[in-house]
Protein backbone atom coordinates (compact mmCIF):
# COMPACT_ATOMS: atom_id res chain seq x y z
CA MET A 1 -11.09 -22.33 -5.73
CA SER A 2 -9.86 -25.49 -6.70
CA SER A 3 -11.35 -24.70 -10.16
CA VAL A 4 -8.94 -22.02 -11.03
CA LEU A 5 -4.62 -21.37 -11.16
CA SER A 6 -3.37 -20.20 -7.86
CA ILE A 7 -1.95 -16.60 -7.92
CA GLU A 8 1.60 -18.38 -7.85
CA ARG A 9 1.20 -20.36 -10.92
CA GLU A 10 -0.18 -17.75 -12.69
CA GLY A 11 3.06 -15.59 -11.88
CA GLU A 12 5.09 -18.44 -13.27
CA ARG A 13 2.99 -18.11 -16.53
CA VAL A 14 3.51 -14.40 -16.73
CA ALA A 15 6.99 -14.44 -16.19
CA ALA A 16 7.50 -17.52 -18.99
CA GLN A 17 5.44 -15.30 -21.44
CA LYS A 18 7.87 -11.68 -20.68
CA ALA A 19 10.34 -13.10 -23.00
CA ASN A 20 7.56 -13.28 -25.85
CA PRO A 21 5.98 -10.22 -27.20
CA LEU A 22 2.93 -11.70 -27.98
CA ARG A 23 1.40 -11.96 -24.42
CA HIS A 24 -2.06 -13.99 -24.42
CA SER A 25 -5.19 -12.46 -23.14
CA LEU A 26 -6.13 -14.05 -19.78
CA LEU A 27 -10.04 -12.43 -20.45
CA ARG A 28 -11.07 -11.11 -23.68
CA ALA A 29 -14.27 -9.17 -23.86
CA GLU A 30 -15.48 -9.13 -27.71
CA GLY A 31 -18.45 -6.83 -29.17
CA VAL A 32 -20.32 -6.55 -25.72
CA SER A 33 -23.13 -4.42 -25.31
CA LYS A 34 -25.88 -4.16 -22.87
CA GLN A 35 -29.41 -2.85 -23.32
CA TYR A 36 -32.42 -2.13 -20.86
CA GLY A 37 -35.25 -1.97 -23.05
CA PRO A 38 -34.88 0.58 -25.85
CA VAL A 39 -31.91 2.15 -23.85
CA THR A 40 -28.37 0.94 -24.95
CA VAL A 41 -25.95 1.76 -21.82
CA LEU A 42 -22.99 -0.72 -23.48
CA SER A 43 -22.18 -0.73 -26.97
CA ASP A 44 -19.83 -2.64 -29.04
CA VAL A 45 -16.80 -3.08 -26.33
CA THR A 46 -13.84 -5.27 -26.93
CA LEU A 47 -11.04 -5.63 -24.44
CA ASP A 48 -8.06 -7.71 -23.56
CA ILE A 49 -7.44 -7.98 -20.30
CA LEU A 50 -3.57 -9.35 -19.66
CA PRO A 51 -2.02 -11.36 -16.49
CA GLY A 52 0.51 -9.11 -14.59
CA GLU A 53 -1.08 -5.87 -15.84
CA ILE A 54 -3.10 -2.70 -14.35
CA HIS A 55 -5.59 -1.91 -16.54
CA ALA A 56 -7.60 1.48 -15.93
CA ILE A 57 -11.10 2.07 -17.41
CA ILE A 58 -11.88 5.64 -17.26
CA GLY A 59 -15.13 7.84 -18.36
CA GLU A 60 -17.72 10.04 -17.38
CA ASN A 61 -20.47 9.13 -15.13
CA GLY A 62 -22.79 7.22 -17.33
CA ALA A 63 -19.93 6.34 -19.66
CA GLY A 64 -20.61 2.50 -19.19
CA LYS A 65 -17.76 1.82 -16.54
CA SER A 66 -19.97 0.11 -14.07
CA THR A 67 -21.86 -1.88 -16.67
CA PHE A 68 -18.61 -3.21 -17.96
CA MET A 69 -17.21 -4.47 -14.83
CA ARG A 70 -20.67 -5.95 -13.69
CA LEU A 71 -20.70 -7.81 -16.76
CA LEU A 72 -17.13 -9.00 -16.54
CA SER A 73 -18.03 -10.30 -12.89
CA GLY A 74 -21.61 -12.15 -13.84
CA TYR A 75 -24.03 -9.59 -11.86
CA ILE A 76 -25.50 -9.34 -15.45
CA GLU A 77 -25.32 -10.85 -18.77
CA PRO A 78 -24.31 -9.08 -22.14
CA THR A 79 -27.36 -8.29 -24.84
CA ALA A 80 -24.50 -8.78 -27.42
CA GLY A 81 -20.88 -9.89 -27.59
CA THR A 82 -18.70 -12.40 -25.98
CA LEU A 83 -16.53 -12.95 -23.31
CA ALA A 84 -13.38 -15.70 -23.63
CA LEU A 85 -11.20 -17.04 -20.62
CA ASP A 86 -8.01 -18.32 -21.56
CA GLY A 87 -9.05 -18.62 -25.12
CA GLU A 88 -12.15 -20.45 -23.95
CA HIS A 89 -15.88 -18.85 -24.59
CA VAL A 90 -17.26 -18.36 -20.66
CA ARG A 91 -20.90 -17.40 -19.82
CA PHE A 92 -21.42 -15.78 -16.69
CA ALA A 93 -25.10 -16.33 -15.44
CA LYS A 94 -24.33 -15.15 -11.82
CA PRO A 95 -21.52 -13.97 -9.87
CA GLU A 96 -20.51 -17.21 -8.24
CA GLN A 97 -19.90 -18.39 -11.30
CA ALA A 98 -17.25 -15.81 -12.31
CA GLN A 99 -15.96 -16.16 -8.86
CA ASP A 100 -15.41 -19.80 -9.43
CA ALA A 101 -13.49 -18.53 -12.70
CA GLY A 102 -10.99 -16.37 -10.19
CA ILE A 103 -13.11 -13.00 -10.90
CA ALA A 104 -13.57 -10.57 -8.23
CA LEU A 105 -15.25 -7.24 -7.79
CA VAL A 106 -14.87 -4.42 -5.12
CA HIS A 107 -18.00 -2.67 -5.63
CA GLN A 108 -18.42 1.06 -5.61
CA GLU A 109 -21.24 0.88 -3.39
CA ILE A 110 -20.56 -0.64 0.16
CA LEU A 111 -22.47 -3.97 -0.08
CA LEU A 112 -22.35 -5.29 3.44
CA ALA A 113 -24.64 -6.55 6.42
CA GLU A 114 -24.96 -4.26 8.93
CA ALA A 115 -26.41 -6.34 11.24
CA LEU A 116 -23.26 -8.87 11.10
CA THR A 117 -19.87 -8.13 12.52
CA VAL A 118 -16.89 -7.26 10.38
CA ALA A 119 -15.59 -11.10 10.44
CA GLU A 120 -19.21 -12.88 9.49
CA ASN A 121 -19.25 -10.08 6.66
CA LEU A 122 -16.01 -11.05 5.16
CA PHE A 123 -16.71 -14.50 5.43
CA LEU A 124 -20.15 -14.54 4.55
CA GLY A 125 -21.16 -17.40 2.37
CA ARG A 126 -18.04 -19.31 2.45
CA GLU A 127 -17.61 -19.78 6.46
CA LEU A 128 -14.95 -21.82 7.56
CA MET A 129 -15.80 -25.05 9.44
CA ARG A 130 -14.10 -27.47 11.76
CA ASN A 131 -15.75 -30.44 12.99
CA GLY A 132 -19.04 -29.45 11.32
CA VAL A 133 -19.14 -26.12 13.54
CA VAL A 134 -18.60 -22.65 11.88
CA ASP A 135 -15.04 -22.12 12.94
CA ASP A 136 -15.49 -18.40 14.46
CA ARG A 137 -12.09 -18.06 15.97
CA THR A 138 -9.98 -18.79 12.73
CA MET A 139 -12.04 -16.59 10.84
CA ARG A 140 -11.45 -13.51 13.30
CA ARG A 141 -7.99 -14.39 13.06
CA LEU A 142 -7.90 -14.13 9.36
CA ALA A 143 -10.08 -11.22 9.24
CA THR A 144 -7.61 -9.34 11.88
CA GLU A 145 -4.64 -10.35 9.68
CA LYS A 146 -6.36 -9.12 6.02
CA LEU A 147 -7.32 -5.92 7.57
CA ALA A 148 -4.11 -4.83 9.17
CA GLU A 149 -2.68 -5.67 5.74
CA LEU A 150 -4.63 -2.69 4.57
CA GLY A 151 -4.07 -0.61 7.64
CA CYS A 152 -7.17 -1.06 9.13
CA LEU A 153 -7.53 -1.74 12.69
CA VAL A 154 -11.23 -2.03 13.56
CA SER A 155 -12.01 -5.38 15.74
CA PRO A 156 -13.46 -8.56 13.72
CA ASN A 157 -16.28 -8.35 16.35
CA ALA A 158 -17.26 -4.88 15.46
CA LEU A 159 -20.60 -4.46 13.92
CA VAL A 160 -20.75 -2.88 10.61
CA ARG A 161 -23.38 -0.57 11.38
CA ASN A 162 -20.83 0.84 14.00
CA ILE A 163 -17.83 1.42 12.27
CA THR A 164 -17.05 4.28 9.62
CA LEU A 165 -17.97 4.49 6.25
CA ALA A 166 -13.81 4.12 5.18
CA ASP A 167 -13.58 1.16 7.12
CA ARG A 168 -16.67 -0.59 5.89
CA GLN A 169 -14.85 0.20 2.38
CA LEU A 170 -11.82 -1.41 3.78
CA VAL A 171 -13.74 -4.04 4.87
CA GLN A 172 -15.49 -4.81 1.62
CA ILE A 173 -12.02 -4.46 -0.16
CA ALA A 174 -10.83 -7.28 2.39
CA ARG A 175 -13.34 -9.33 1.94
CA ALA A 176 -12.35 -9.39 -2.10
CA LEU A 177 -8.73 -10.03 -1.25
CA LEU A 178 -9.31 -13.34 0.97
CA ASP A 179 -9.00 -15.47 -2.12
CA ASP A 180 -6.41 -15.57 -4.67
CA TYR A 181 -7.86 -14.20 -7.85
CA ARG A 182 -6.54 -14.39 -10.80
CA ILE A 183 -8.81 -11.04 -12.06
CA VAL A 184 -9.53 -8.09 -9.42
CA ILE A 185 -11.96 -5.58 -10.28
CA PHE A 186 -11.71 -2.36 -8.34
CA ASP A 187 -14.45 -0.01 -8.73
CA GLU A 188 -14.04 3.47 -6.99
CA PRO A 189 -12.04 1.80 -4.07
CA THR A 190 -10.57 5.04 -2.72
CA ALA A 191 -13.60 7.51 -2.46
CA VAL A 192 -13.85 7.26 0.84
CA LEU A 193 -10.11 6.40 1.91
CA THR A 194 -7.67 8.55 3.98
CA GLY A 195 -4.16 9.31 2.17
CA GLU A 196 -2.55 6.69 4.14
CA GLU A 197 -5.17 4.19 3.70
CA VAL A 198 -4.95 4.63 -0.27
CA GLU A 199 -1.41 4.50 -0.32
CA ARG A 200 -1.41 0.71 1.51
CA LEU A 201 -4.40 0.00 -1.22
CA LEU A 202 -2.45 1.28 -3.88
CA ALA A 203 0.83 -0.83 -2.78
CA ILE A 204 -1.55 -4.00 -2.36
CA ILE A 205 -2.89 -3.45 -6.01
CA LEU A 206 1.32 -3.27 -7.30
CA GLN A 207 1.69 -6.89 -5.28
CA LEU A 208 -1.74 -8.44 -7.15
CA LYS A 209 0.01 -7.20 -10.31
CA GLU A 210 3.32 -8.89 -9.42
CA GLN A 211 2.35 -11.88 -8.37
CA GLY A 212 0.51 -12.18 -12.18
CA ALA A 213 -2.81 -11.18 -11.04
CA ALA A 214 -4.68 -8.93 -13.90
CA VAL A 215 -6.06 -5.75 -11.86
CA LEU A 216 -8.91 -3.47 -13.52
CA TYR A 217 -9.34 -0.25 -12.25
CA ILE A 218 -11.86 2.36 -11.95
CA SER A 219 -11.19 6.01 -10.69
CA HIS A 220 -12.02 9.56 -11.07
CA ARG A 221 -8.92 10.31 -9.51
CA LEU A 222 -6.94 10.33 -12.25
CA ASP A 223 -3.65 10.98 -10.42
CA GLU A 224 -4.17 7.43 -9.41
CA VAL A 225 -4.98 6.18 -12.71
CA GLN A 226 -1.57 7.91 -13.88
CA ARG A 227 0.35 6.51 -11.35
CA LEU A 228 -0.68 2.77 -11.35
CA ALA A 229 -2.01 2.21 -15.19
CA ASP A 230 -0.25 0.00 -17.77
CA LYS A 231 -2.93 0.70 -19.87
CA VAL A 232 -5.85 2.94 -19.93
CA THR A 233 -8.76 2.30 -21.80
CA VAL A 234 -11.59 5.58 -22.02
CA LEU A 235 -15.44 5.03 -22.57
CA ARG A 236 -17.44 7.83 -23.42
CA ASP A 237 -21.44 7.47 -23.82
CA GLY A 238 -21.27 3.50 -23.66
CA LYS A 239 -18.55 3.14 -26.39
CA LYS A 240 -14.83 2.57 -26.39
CA ILE A 241 -13.06 5.26 -27.50
CA GLY A 242 -9.89 3.63 -26.98
CA THR A 243 -6.83 1.76 -25.20
CA TYR A 244 -3.94 4.07 -24.67
CA PRO A 245 -0.38 3.11 -22.67
CA GLY A 246 -0.67 4.34 -19.38
CA ARG A 247 2.50 6.03 -18.95
CA THR A 248 1.97 8.50 -22.13
CA LEU A 249 -1.26 9.89 -20.75
CA GLY A 250 -1.46 13.16 -18.67
CA GLN A 251 -4.43 13.63 -16.76
CA MET A 252 -5.56 16.78 -18.91
CA ASP A 253 -5.10 14.20 -21.77
CA MET A 254 -7.41 11.66 -20.31
CA ALA A 255 -9.80 14.42 -19.12
CA ARG A 256 -9.99 15.32 -22.93
CA LEU A 257 -10.43 12.01 -23.88
CA MET A 258 -13.36 11.60 -21.27
CA VAL A 259 -15.29 14.59 -22.12
CA GLY A 260 -14.79 14.78 -25.90
CA ARG A 261 -13.51 18.15 -25.27
CA ASP A 262 -10.63 20.37 -23.84
CA LEU A 263 -11.20 21.28 -20.37
CA ALA A 264 -9.19 25.04 -20.18
CA ALA A 265 -9.25 25.11 -16.37
CA LEU A 266 -10.88 22.95 -13.96
CA TYR A 267 -11.23 25.32 -11.35
CA PRO A 268 -12.38 28.74 -11.74
CA GLU A 269 -10.50 31.66 -12.05
CA LYS A 270 -9.81 33.37 -8.67
CA ARG A 271 -10.64 37.16 -8.59
CA ALA A 272 -8.85 39.49 -6.01
CA LYS A 273 -11.04 40.78 -3.64
CA ALA A 274 -11.58 42.65 -0.46
CA ALA A 275 -12.96 40.70 2.77
CA GLY A 276 -16.53 41.32 3.09
CA GLU A 277 -18.24 41.60 6.52
CA ALA A 278 -18.33 38.61 8.57
CA MET A 279 -21.38 36.22 7.84
CA LEU A 280 -20.55 33.36 10.22
CA THR A 281 -19.06 33.68 13.44
CA VAL A 282 -18.10 30.66 15.65
CA ARG A 283 -16.56 31.29 19.02
CA ASP A 284 -15.17 28.37 21.45
CA LEU A 285 -17.42 25.69 19.51
CA SER A 286 -16.54 22.22 21.13
CA VAL A 287 -18.19 19.07 20.39
CA PRO A 288 -17.35 16.64 22.79
CA GLY A 289 -14.74 13.59 21.54
CA PHE A 290 -14.13 15.46 18.14
CA ALA A 291 -13.47 19.40 18.30
CA LYS A 292 -12.81 21.81 21.12
CA ASN A 293 -12.52 25.14 21.37
CA VAL A 294 -12.97 26.35 17.72
CA SER A 295 -13.07 29.83 16.82
CA PHE A 296 -13.56 31.40 13.34
CA GLN A 297 -15.07 33.73 10.97
CA ALA A 298 -16.45 33.14 7.22
CA HIS A 299 -16.97 36.20 5.51
CA LYS A 300 -19.25 37.38 2.32
CA SER A 301 -18.03 36.55 -0.76
CA GLU A 302 -15.47 34.14 0.56
CA ILE A 303 -14.69 30.61 -0.15
CA LEU A 304 -13.09 28.96 3.05
CA GLY A 305 -11.59 25.64 3.02
CA PHE A 306 -11.63 23.44 6.18
CA ALA A 307 -8.39 20.83 5.39
CA GLY A 308 -6.85 18.08 7.77
CA MET A 309 -6.44 14.32 8.10
CA ILE A 310 -9.52 12.16 8.45
CA GLY A 311 -10.32 11.90 12.19
CA ALA A 312 -9.17 15.45 12.97
CA GLY A 313 -12.91 16.50 13.35
CA ARG A 314 -13.90 19.12 10.65
CA THR A 315 -17.09 17.08 9.75
CA GLU A 316 -18.08 16.75 13.23
CA LEU A 317 -17.27 20.45 14.12
CA PHE A 318 -20.00 21.21 11.43
CA GLU A 319 -22.37 18.71 12.04
CA GLY A 320 -22.22 20.24 15.89
CA ILE A 321 -22.82 23.71 14.50
CA MET A 322 -25.53 22.65 12.53
CA GLY A 323 -27.43 20.95 15.65
CA LEU A 324 -26.61 17.45 14.53
CA ARG A 325 -24.45 16.64 17.24
CA PRO A 326 -24.32 17.80 20.82
CA ALA A 327 -22.16 21.07 21.11
CA THR A 328 -21.28 23.65 23.15
CA GLY A 329 -20.09 27.43 22.24
CA THR A 330 -21.68 30.54 20.16
CA VAL A 331 -22.57 30.55 16.81
CA GLU A 332 -23.80 34.14 14.90
CA LEU A 333 -25.26 34.57 11.68
CA GLU A 334 -24.60 38.36 10.57
CA GLY A 335 -24.44 39.20 14.43
CA LYS A 336 -27.59 37.25 15.26
CA PRO A 337 -26.91 34.00 17.64
CA ILE A 338 -28.17 31.07 16.45
CA ASN A 339 -29.96 27.96 18.60
CA ILE A 340 -27.42 25.29 17.33
CA ARG A 341 -29.58 22.72 19.60
CA SER A 342 -32.24 22.57 17.10
CA PRO A 343 -31.15 21.70 13.39
CA ARG A 344 -34.44 23.32 12.12
CA ALA A 345 -33.36 26.90 13.76
CA VAL A 346 -30.20 26.84 11.93
CA LEU A 347 -31.72 26.00 8.69
CA ASP A 348 -34.11 28.72 9.10
CA ALA A 349 -31.39 31.15 10.33
CA GLY A 350 -30.22 30.40 6.96
CA ILE A 351 -27.22 27.95 7.18
CA GLY A 352 -27.36 25.23 4.47
CA TYR A 353 -25.19 22.01 4.60
CA LEU A 354 -24.48 19.75 2.24
CA THR A 355 -23.13 16.33 3.91
CA GLU A 356 -20.45 14.09 3.05
CA ASP A 357 -22.58 11.19 2.98
CA ARG A 358 -25.00 11.99 0.29
CA LYS A 359 -26.28 8.03 0.00
CA GLY A 360 -26.65 7.76 3.43
CA LYS A 361 -27.60 11.01 4.84
CA GLY A 362 -28.26 13.35 2.18
CA LEU A 363 -30.88 11.76 -0.16
CA LEU A 364 -33.50 9.13 -0.06
CA LEU A 365 -32.38 6.69 -2.81
CA HIS A 366 -35.44 4.89 -2.93
CA GLU A 367 -37.77 7.97 -3.39
CA ARG A 368 -38.74 10.06 -6.26
CA LEU A 369 -36.82 13.24 -7.18
CA ALA A 370 -39.10 15.72 -6.25
CA PRO A 371 -39.63 15.15 -2.74
CA ASN A 372 -35.92 14.61 -2.18
CA LEU A 373 -35.45 18.28 -3.75
CA THR A 374 -38.18 19.53 -1.22
CA LEU A 375 -37.78 17.85 1.84
CA SER A 376 -35.85 20.80 3.48
CA ALA A 377 -38.27 23.28 2.29
CA LEU A 378 -41.47 21.31 3.08
CA THR A 379 -43.68 24.60 4.11
CA ARG A 380 -43.05 26.19 1.23
CA PHE A 381 -44.21 23.75 -1.21
CA HIS A 382 -47.24 22.08 1.58
CA PRO A 383 -48.29 24.96 3.65
CA GLY A 384 -51.07 23.24 4.63
CA ILE A 385 -52.51 19.35 4.94
CA PHE A 386 -52.21 18.87 1.15
CA LEU A 387 -49.53 18.11 -0.97
CA ARG A 388 -48.79 20.71 -3.78
CA ARG A 389 -47.21 18.22 -6.02
CA SER A 390 -47.33 20.90 -8.92
CA ARG A 391 -45.01 22.98 -7.07
CA GLU A 392 -42.74 20.27 -6.28
CA GLN A 393 -42.55 19.32 -10.21
CA ASP A 394 -41.90 23.03 -10.97
CA ALA A 395 -39.48 23.32 -8.64
CA LEU A 396 -37.57 20.05 -9.76
CA ARG A 397 -38.05 21.24 -13.30
CA ALA A 398 -36.25 24.47 -12.35
CA ALA A 399 -33.43 22.46 -10.48
CA VAL A 400 -32.94 20.13 -13.35
CA GLU A 401 -32.38 22.96 -15.98
CA GLN A 402 -30.06 25.36 -13.16
CA TYR A 403 -27.60 22.23 -12.19
CA ASP A 404 -27.61 20.27 -15.22
CA ILE A 405 -29.15 17.37 -13.54
CA ARG A 406 -28.93 14.44 -16.39
CA LEU A 407 -31.57 12.37 -15.87
CA LYS A 408 -33.95 9.84 -18.18
CA SER A 409 -36.95 11.07 -17.05
CA PHE A 410 -38.79 12.84 -13.85
CA GLY A 411 -39.91 9.65 -12.55
CA VAL A 412 -36.52 8.18 -11.65
CA LYS A 413 -35.80 7.38 -7.92
CA ALA A 414 -32.65 9.39 -6.65
CA GLY A 415 -30.80 6.11 -6.34
CA GLN A 416 -30.95 5.47 -10.21
CA LEU A 417 -28.87 8.88 -10.78
CA SER A 418 -25.32 8.84 -11.31
CA GLY A 419 -22.75 10.45 -8.23
CA GLY A 420 -22.43 13.51 -10.47
CA ASN A 421 -25.80 14.06 -10.69
CA GLN A 422 -27.09 12.79 -6.99
CA GLN A 423 -24.33 15.07 -5.98
CA LYS A 424 -26.17 18.34 -7.80
CA LEU A 425 -29.62 17.15 -6.80
CA LEU A 426 -28.21 17.55 -3.26
CA LEU A 427 -26.60 20.88 -3.87
CA ALA A 428 -30.23 22.59 -5.42
CA LYS A 429 -32.03 20.79 -2.03
CA VAL A 430 -29.34 22.74 -0.09
CA LEU A 431 -30.14 25.98 -1.94
CA LEU A 432 -33.67 25.51 -2.23
CA ILE A 433 -33.88 27.03 1.27
CA THR A 434 -31.73 30.19 0.08
CA PRO A 435 -28.96 30.11 2.95
CA SER A 436 -26.69 33.12 3.34
CA VAL A 437 -23.99 30.69 4.19
CA VAL A 438 -23.29 27.16 2.39
CA VAL A 439 -21.22 24.37 4.13
CA ILE A 440 -20.38 21.78 1.50
CA ASP A 441 -18.73 18.34 3.03
CA GLU A 442 -16.62 16.35 0.18
CA PRO A 443 -18.12 18.33 -2.54
CA THR A 444 -16.63 16.12 -5.26
CA ARG A 445 -16.49 12.74 -3.57
CA GLY A 446 -16.67 9.90 -6.31
CA ILE A 447 -17.59 12.17 -9.33
CA ASP A 448 -16.35 12.34 -12.53
CA ILE A 449 -14.29 15.37 -13.57
CA ALA A 450 -16.67 17.14 -15.77
CA ASN A 451 -19.08 17.22 -13.20
CA LYS A 452 -16.24 18.35 -10.86
CA ALA A 453 -15.67 21.57 -12.86
CA GLN A 454 -19.48 22.09 -12.60
CA ILE A 455 -19.85 21.84 -8.91
CA TYR A 456 -16.77 24.26 -8.71
CA ALA A 457 -18.67 26.91 -10.99
CA PHE A 458 -21.50 26.16 -9.14
CA ILE A 459 -19.54 27.13 -5.71
CA GLN A 460 -18.41 30.21 -7.38
CA SER A 461 -21.30 31.44 -8.31
CA LEU A 462 -22.42 31.45 -4.60
CA VAL A 463 -19.84 33.64 -3.36
CA THR A 464 -20.48 36.00 -6.56
CA GLU A 465 -24.45 36.17 -5.35
CA GLY A 466 -22.51 37.52 -1.85
CA LYS A 467 -22.92 33.96 0.00
CA ALA A 468 -20.29 32.66 2.26
CA CYS A 469 -19.37 29.25 1.26
CA ILE A 470 -17.27 26.75 3.74
CA VAL A 471 -15.64 24.14 2.08
CA ILE A 472 -14.68 20.77 3.55
CA SER A 473 -12.13 18.48 1.24
CA SER A 474 -9.79 15.85 2.09
CA GLU A 475 -7.91 16.88 -1.59
CA MET A 476 -5.64 19.57 -0.99
CA GLN A 477 -5.46 20.24 -4.73
CA GLU A 478 -9.17 20.94 -4.53
CA LEU A 479 -8.88 23.60 -1.45
CA ILE A 480 -5.90 25.14 -2.98
CA GLY A 481 -7.72 25.78 -6.54
CA ILE A 482 -11.19 27.04 -5.12
CA CYS A 483 -10.49 28.40 -1.75
CA ASP A 484 -9.53 32.29 -0.37
CA ARG A 485 -8.31 30.98 2.43
CA ILE A 486 -7.80 27.64 4.02
CA LEU A 487 -8.11 26.81 7.88
CA VAL A 488 -6.67 23.40 9.26
CA MET A 489 -7.39 21.30 11.70
CA ARG A 490 -5.60 18.73 13.56
CA GLU A 491 -6.66 16.27 16.59
CA GLY A 492 -10.15 18.41 16.75
CA ARG A 493 -8.11 21.66 17.23
CA LEU A 494 -7.77 24.71 14.64
CA ARG A 495 -4.01 24.66 14.31
CA GLY A 496 -3.84 27.13 11.71
CA GLU A 497 -4.28 29.18 8.60
CA VAL A 498 -2.92 29.30 4.96
CA SER A 499 -4.05 32.06 2.04
CA GLY A 500 -2.42 33.38 -0.63
CA ASP A 501 0.52 32.26 -2.08
CA ALA A 502 0.89 30.39 1.06
CA MET A 503 -1.41 27.61 -0.13
CA THR A 504 0.52 25.03 -1.23
CA GLU A 505 0.31 21.39 -0.35
CA HIS A 506 3.05 21.40 1.70
CA ASN A 507 2.04 24.06 4.20
CA VAL A 508 -1.09 22.51 4.58
CA ALA A 509 0.26 19.38 5.16
CA LEU A 510 2.57 20.82 7.71
CA LEU A 511 -0.31 22.02 9.71
CA ALA A 512 -2.22 18.92 9.41
CA THR A 513 0.29 16.53 10.65
CA SER A 514 2.85 18.49 12.97
CA ASP A 515 3.85 20.56 15.66
CA ALA A 516 6.25 22.00 13.97
CA ALA A 517 4.19 25.19 12.78
CA ALA A 518 3.15 26.02 16.33
CA ASP A 519 2.50 29.77 15.76
CA GLY A 520 -0.85 28.47 13.57
CA ASN A 521 -0.04 30.87 10.66
CA VAL A 522 1.40 30.29 7.38
CA GLY A 523 0.97 33.34 5.22
CA GLY A 524 -1.34 36.30 5.53
CA ARG A 525 -4.56 37.05 4.08
CA LYS A 526 -4.40 38.56 0.81
């Protein structure tokens, strides 16, 4: 990157400017707009990006945040408006030009080559050479060092297809941080990371700021925005609502600006109710390598939470229950045993499962919406050898209305929906089989606050109808906000239960991380 200032030189320039209250923009977007045919996705946005500053961009899904970031980083060109770098007009016709100018984008989507190793992905397109030959040894060493900074201990020789989703995101972040960029754009970087990994990343972002880099930060996690941002710009419906000092905005202030109305309560009001009969009974369920001798019950009209650190075995436990992994033990639905060796038998018995990985395992992103919706209930819509397209379309129209799925036309593909609308489509797909027990893994990962409120309301409606709902989440506040009880797993075992007034972050974290709460109960059932 010889064509741009180094981070060190930029830091010196920032330090010199601190005595001058009139700090100059590193990058200025003036009146930028983006249209796709007759559809305007970004309209007349002006923004100044300063060195040594963390600038958060927030808004609902579809507000134009990712479009704006892609425009700044050369993936798309504006329909109208201009960009100026150091006061001089620039035009980025492709990402490489923006990178040469010192602008890096960490994508929300995982854009890695699964057939290549971790090290090969980090240096893809910029391989290090020695004597005319690719220097694999040096690339592996540098990859290990950069990943270690992020707390990622994955081998540089591992194929990307064989590593976890969280590790893939860390590899993608490490790739962007290999060079000393002047502007680093993070688009939802923490959606799949553990708490410890998030803390490391946030520390690195603060370090980039101290070195004089400008950081643009997009996140639906408003607590992170509140912790990091010097400034917060709010987009709504493709338009800039305003730019505000970060420290002056509370999370509910941000939510109000994003949606244009007050969100009086993010979580539905909990109503005291007696425990219903057991709907799902699990006894001594083991998933080799992930969970051991787990027993629990989920009751009618109850929201049961599962908490624990990443790697505790929660997802794998329920994949075993659903027949998606080899498992031993017994599972009963309303007293009747279920064959957990067959995913179809589990579905037919009445257990629905919404996966944590909606894009990789939940939806066919390149397929239309109707086949995505009806995939688990094909016999209802295609009872014979002929496809009943009209039935599919009727079901889709009903789901779009019932779950408020926002779309431009019924002909779009699942991958063209926003994250929140994809999640609502997946929920509609799971509920189409009319299950009596619904398992939802990471219900609001990567979706905005307005869609979160809708998802929580949908979950509440399930238990109001008499279903049992099980929620697996890495967000403790989410579990505390919506659940009647929380079971906590650690190292593949069930470590205890919290309920009532004892449902606090402290008590959940104690069970998730420590042997101190050896008796396994922190608070009784209410």
